[in-house]
Amino acid sequence: MGIARALVSSEDPNQLVELSYVSKATQDMGLSSLVSLFDFSHKWNQDHELTGVLFYENSHFAQILEGRREDVLFLWDKIQKDQRHKILHRIEFDEIDQRLFPNWALRFYGGDQIARDVPHLTGLLDGLPSHDVELLRIMRSVSKGNQD
C-alpha cells in the first residue's frame, strides 16, 4: 500500500502518526462494557479526527490509532493510565503520510468477527513481542475493507 513511514523524529503536534499496541484486560469485558467503550471511543475519535481499528478477544485488545501526533499521544497517555489494562505493549509509533483507515473513526472486531474475517489473528493477541510483526501485518490487512 506504499505508505511511507519515518522514524518519529519530528515534534510537530499536527504530524500524522500511527500508534499500535496490544494489551491484556484486568478482567474479561462483557458485551455491555464493550458497547460502552466503543460508543465513547467512537465519538471521541470522531471529535478528534482519529481513525483506526480495535480488536478484542479473550481479554486481549489490539489497536491501531491514526491521527495528529498531539491527539494520538494524548489518547495513548490515557490508555496507559487506564486501570482496565494490566499488560500494555506498544508495538509501533511512526509518522505516516496517509491513513490506512480514513473512513473508520473506530472499527471494532470482536471474537466472532475475528474468527470469521481475520482468523489468522487468533493466537497472536497475547502481547508477546515475538508476534509484533505478524500481528501488525494482519491488523493492517483489514484496511482493504475500509470502504464501508
C-alpha atoms as a PDB file:
ATOM      1  CA  MET A   1       0.000   0.000   0.000  1.00  0.00           C
ATOM      2  CA  GLY A   2       3.020   2.294  -0.236  1.00  0.00           C
ATOM      3  CA  ILE A   3       2.612   4.282   2.962  1.00  0.00           C
ATOM      4  CA  ALA A   4       5.896   5.992   3.728  1.00  0.00           C
ATOM      5  CA  ARG A   5       6.959   5.600   7.320  1.00  0.00           C
ATOM      6  CA  ALA A   6       9.696   7.525   9.060  1.00  0.00           C
ATOM      7  CA  LEU A   7      11.257   7.393  12.461  1.00  0.00           C
ATOM      8  CA  VAL A   8       9.246   9.554  14.790  1.00  0.00           C
ATOM      9  CA  SER A   9      11.653  12.437  14.983  1.00  0.00           C
ATOM     10  CA  SER A  10       9.517  15.483  14.349  1.00  0.00           C
ATOM     11  CA  GLU A  11       7.811  17.137  17.272  1.00  0.00           C
ATOM     12  CA  ASP A  12       5.156  18.756  15.082  1.00  0.00           C
ATOM     13  CA  PRO A  13       1.887  18.237  17.012  1.00  0.00           C
ATOM     14  CA  ASN A  14      -0.026  18.172  13.718  1.00  0.00           C
ATOM     15  CA  GLN A  15       2.113  15.451  12.091  1.00  0.00           C
ATOM     16  CA  LEU A  16       0.048  12.416  11.100  1.00  0.00           C
ATOM     17  CA  VAL A  17       1.125   9.358  13.124  1.00  0.00           C
ATOM     18  CA  GLU A  18       0.143   5.746  13.652  1.00  0.00           C
ATOM     19  CA  LEU A  19       0.328   4.025  17.015  1.00  0.00           C
ATOM     20  CA  SER A  20      -0.287   0.318  17.542  1.00  0.00           C
ATOM     21  CA  TYR A  21      -0.442  -1.652  20.766  1.00  0.00           C
ATOM     22  CA  VAL A  22      -1.695  -4.829  22.374  1.00  0.00           C
ATOM     23  CA  SER A  23      -2.914  -5.187  25.951  1.00  0.00           C
ATOM     24  CA  LYS A  24      -4.484  -7.618  28.375  1.00  0.00           C
ATOM     25  CA  ALA A  25      -7.569  -6.508  30.245  1.00  0.00           C
ATOM     26  CA  THR A  26      -7.647  -6.858  34.020  1.00  0.00           C
ATOM     27  CA  GLN A  27     -10.850  -8.862  33.590  1.00  0.00           C
ATOM     28  CA  ASP A  28     -12.960 -10.151  30.738  1.00  0.00           C
ATOM     29  CA  MET A  29     -15.194  -7.378  29.430  1.00  0.00           C
ATOM     30  CA  GLY A  30     -18.839  -8.222  28.929  1.00  0.00           C
ATOM     31  CA  LEU A  31     -20.901  -7.094  25.970  1.00  0.00           C
ATOM     32  CA  SER A  32     -22.334  -4.011  27.700  1.00  0.00           C
ATOM     33  CA  SER A  33     -18.836  -2.859  28.738  1.00  0.00           C
ATOM     34  CA  LEU A  34     -17.542  -3.317  25.187  1.00  0.00           C
ATOM     35  CA  VAL A  35     -20.519  -1.433  23.712  1.00  0.00           C
ATOM     36  CA  SER A  36     -19.989   1.405  26.176  1.00  0.00           C
ATOM     37  CA  LEU A  37     -16.263   1.530  25.399  1.00  0.00           C
ATOM     38  CA  PHE A  38     -16.957   1.520  21.664  1.00  0.00           C
ATOM     39  CA  ASP A  39     -19.605   4.261  21.853  1.00  0.00           C
ATOM     40  CA  PHE A  40     -17.400   6.551  23.945  1.00  0.00           C
ATOM     41  CA  SER A  41     -14.263   5.879  21.892  1.00  0.00           C
ATOM     42  CA  HIS A  42     -16.003   6.248  18.543  1.00  0.00           C
ATOM     43  CA  LYS A  43     -17.371   9.681  19.492  1.00  0.00           C
ATOM     44  CA  TRP A  44     -14.021  10.823  20.938  1.00  0.00           C
ATOM     45  CA  ASN A  45     -12.222   9.653  17.813  1.00  0.00           C
ATOM     46  CA  GLN A  46     -14.689  11.459  15.546  1.00  0.00           C
ATOM     47  CA  ASP A  47     -14.355  14.675  17.549  1.00  0.00           C
ATOM     48  CA  HIS A  48     -10.537  14.490  17.301  1.00  0.00           C
ATOM     49  CA  GLU A  49     -10.295  13.112  13.743  1.00  0.00           C
ATOM     50  CA  LEU A  50      -8.695   9.864  14.895  1.00  0.00           C
ATOM     51  CA  THR A  51      -9.142   6.731  12.830  1.00  0.00           C
ATOM     52  CA  GLY A  52      -8.264   3.106  13.304  1.00  0.00           C
ATOM     53  CA  VAL A  53      -9.280  -0.365  14.268  1.00  0.00           C
ATOM     54  CA  LEU A  54      -9.737  -2.169  17.598  1.00  0.00           C
ATOM     55  CA  PHE A  55      -9.694  -5.932  18.152  1.00  0.00           C
ATOM     56  CA  TYR A  56     -10.853  -7.691  21.310  1.00  0.00           C
ATOM     57  CA  GLU A  57     -10.776 -11.390  22.108  1.00  0.00           C
ATOM     58  CA  ASN A  58     -10.289 -13.399  25.293  1.00  0.00           C
ATOM     59  CA  SER A  59      -9.457 -10.330  27.405  1.00  0.00           C
ATOM     60  CA  HIS A  60      -6.873  -9.065  24.887  1.00  0.00           C
ATOM     61  CA  PHE A  61      -7.032  -5.804  22.963  1.00  0.00           C
ATOM     62  CA  ALA A  62      -5.035  -4.862  19.887  1.00  0.00           C
ATOM     63  CA  GLN A  63      -5.438  -1.448  18.281  1.00  0.00           C
ATOM     64  CA  ILE A  64      -4.113   0.793  15.552  1.00  0.00           C
ATOM     65  CA  LEU A  65      -4.735   4.522  16.019  1.00  0.00           C
ATOM     66  CA  GLU A  66      -4.084   7.171  13.371  1.00  0.00           C
ATOM     67  CA  GLY A  67      -4.277  10.919  13.711  1.00  0.00           C
ATOM     68  CA  ARG A  68      -2.448  14.065  14.683  1.00  0.00           C
ATOM     69  CA  ARG A  69       0.530  13.391  16.948  1.00  0.00           C
ATOM     70  CA  GLU A  70      -0.890  15.568  19.721  1.00  0.00           C
ATOM     71  CA  ASP A  71      -4.220  13.699  19.804  1.00  0.00           C
ATOM     72  CA  VAL A  72      -2.719  10.222  19.478  1.00  0.00           C
ATOM     73  CA  LEU A  73      -0.203  10.877  22.269  1.00  0.00           C
ATOM     74  CA  PHE A  74      -2.942  12.323  24.498  1.00  0.00           C
ATOM     75  CA  LEU A  75      -5.046   9.201  23.982  1.00  0.00           C
ATOM     76  CA  TRP A  76      -2.026   6.892  24.450  1.00  0.00           C
ATOM     77  CA  ASP A  77      -1.353   8.559  27.798  1.00  0.00           C
ATOM     78  CA  LYS A  78      -4.971   7.912  28.834  1.00  0.00           C
ATOM     79  CA  ILE A  79      -4.749   4.280  27.711  1.00  0.00           C
ATOM     80  CA  GLN A  80      -1.537   3.788  29.716  1.00  0.00           C
ATOM     81  CA  LYS A  81      -3.275   5.112  32.846  1.00  0.00           C
ATOM     82  CA  ASP A  82      -6.477   3.097  32.258  1.00  0.00           C
ATOM     83  CA  GLN A  83      -6.806   0.571  35.085  1.00  0.00           C
ATOM     84  CA  ARG A  84      -8.625  -1.863  32.770  1.00  0.00           C
ATOM     85  CA  HIS A  85      -5.207  -2.856  31.339  1.00  0.00           C
ATOM     86  CA  LYS A  86      -2.765  -4.990  33.323  1.00  0.00           C
ATOM     87  CA  ILE A  87      -0.327  -5.603  30.486  1.00  0.00           C
ATOM     88  CA  LEU A  88       0.233  -2.955  27.816  1.00  0.00           C
ATOM     89  CA  HIS A  89       2.753  -3.280  24.997  1.00  0.00           C
ATOM     90  CA  ARG A  90       3.299  -0.615  22.348  1.00  0.00           C
ATOM     91  CA  ILE A  91       4.117  -2.237  19.013  1.00  0.00           C
ATOM     92  CA  GLU A  92       4.920   0.781  16.835  1.00  0.00           C
ATOM     93  CA  PHE A  93       4.712   4.553  16.783  1.00  0.00           C
ATOM     94  CA  ASP A  94       5.534   6.080  13.401  1.00  0.00           C
ATOM     95  CA  GLU A  95       4.942   9.141  11.301  1.00  0.00           C
ATOM     96  CA  ILE A  96       2.795   8.344   8.260  1.00  0.00           C
ATOM     97  CA  ASP A  97       1.932  10.153   5.036  1.00  0.00           C
ATOM     98  CA  GLN A  98      -1.609   8.810   4.758  1.00  0.00           C
ATOM     99  CA  ARG A  99      -4.090   6.828   6.808  1.00  0.00           C
ATOM    100  CA  LEU A 100      -4.856   3.161   6.318  1.00  0.00           C
ATOM    101  CA  PHE A 101      -8.330   3.624   7.860  1.00  0.00           C
ATOM    102  CA  PRO A 102      -9.522   7.043   6.660  1.00  0.00           C
ATOM    103  CA  ASN A 103     -13.224   6.102   6.859  1.00  0.00           C
ATOM    104  CA  TRP A 104     -13.205   4.403  10.255  1.00  0.00           C
ATOM    105  CA  ALA A 105     -13.383   6.580  13.373  1.00  0.00           C
ATOM    106  CA  LEU A 106     -13.176   3.213  15.102  1.00  0.00           C
ATOM    107  CA  ARG A 107     -13.783  -0.189  13.558  1.00  0.00           C
ATOM    108  CA  PHE A 108     -14.335  -2.931  16.122  1.00  0.00           C
ATOM    109  CA  TYR A 109     -13.665  -6.637  15.690  1.00  0.00           C
ATOM    110  CA  GLY A 110     -14.799  -8.966  18.466  1.00  0.00           C
ATOM    111  CA  GLY A 111     -14.262 -12.705  18.849  1.00  0.00           C
ATOM    112  CA  ASP A 112     -16.870 -13.884  16.310  1.00  0.00           C
ATOM    113  CA  GLN A 113     -15.826 -11.303  13.712  1.00  0.00           C
ATOM    114  CA  ILE A 114     -12.159 -12.148  14.226  1.00  0.00           C
ATOM    115  CA  ALA A 115     -12.888 -15.856  13.718  1.00  0.00           C
ATOM    116  CA  ARG A 116     -14.859 -15.094  10.543  1.00  0.00           C
ATOM    117  CA  ASP A 117     -12.905 -12.191   8.974  1.00  0.00           C
ATOM    118  CA  VAL A 118      -9.326 -12.422  10.301  1.00  0.00           C
ATOM    119  CA  PRO A 119      -8.865 -15.947  11.708  1.00  0.00           C
ATOM    120  CA  HIS A 120      -5.065 -15.696  11.492  1.00  0.00           C
ATOM    121  CA  LEU A 121      -5.241 -13.058  14.242  1.00  0.00           C
ATOM    122  CA  THR A 122      -6.401 -15.656  16.767  1.00  0.00           C
ATOM    123  CA  GLY A 123      -3.487 -16.670  18.932  1.00  0.00           C
ATOM    124  CA  LEU A 124      -1.481 -13.524  18.198  1.00  0.00           C
ATOM    125  CA  LEU A 125      -3.377 -11.284  20.630  1.00  0.00           C
ATOM    126  CA  ASP A 126      -1.250 -12.404  23.550  1.00  0.00           C
ATOM    127  CA  GLY A 127       1.055  -9.409  23.904  1.00  0.00           C
ATOM    128  CA  LEU A 128       4.205 -11.371  23.173  1.00  0.00           C
ATOM    129  CA  PRO A 129       6.754  -9.178  21.349  1.00  0.00           C
ATOM    130  CA  SER A 130       7.676 -12.142  19.130  1.00  0.00           C
ATOM    131  CA  HIS A 131       4.262 -11.753  17.486  1.00  0.00           C
ATOM    132  CA  ASP A 132       4.508  -7.997  16.813  1.00  0.00           C
ATOM    133  CA  VAL A 133       5.393  -8.092  13.115  1.00  0.00           C
ATOM    134  CA  GLU A 134       2.758 -10.671  12.156  1.00  0.00           C
ATOM    135  CA  LEU A 135       0.107  -9.113  14.410  1.00  0.00           C
ATOM    136  CA  LEU A 136       0.641  -5.686  12.883  1.00  0.00           C
ATOM    137  CA  ARG A 137       0.587  -7.087   9.342  1.00  0.00           C
ATOM    138  CA  ILE A 138      -2.750  -8.815   9.942  1.00  0.00           C
ATOM    139  CA  MET A 139      -4.237  -5.804  11.741  1.00  0.00           C
ATOM    140  CA  ARG A 140      -3.300  -3.568   8.811  1.00  0.00           C
ATOM    141  CA  SER A 141      -4.731  -6.078   6.323  1.00  0.00           C
ATOM    142  CA  VAL A 142      -8.303  -5.281   7.391  1.00  0.00           C
ATOM    143  CA  SER A 143      -7.866  -1.815   5.855  1.00  0.00           C
ATOM    144  CA  LYS A 144      -8.726  -3.360   2.499  1.00  0.00           C
ATOM    145  CA  GLY A 145     -12.355  -3.355   3.657  1.00  0.00           C
ATOM    146  CA  ASN A 146     -12.166   0.307   4.692  1.00  0.00           C
ATOM    147  CA  GLN A 147     -14.715   1.441   2.133  1.00  0.00           C
ATOM    148  CA  ASP A 148     -17.727   0.949   4.435  1.00  0.00           C
END
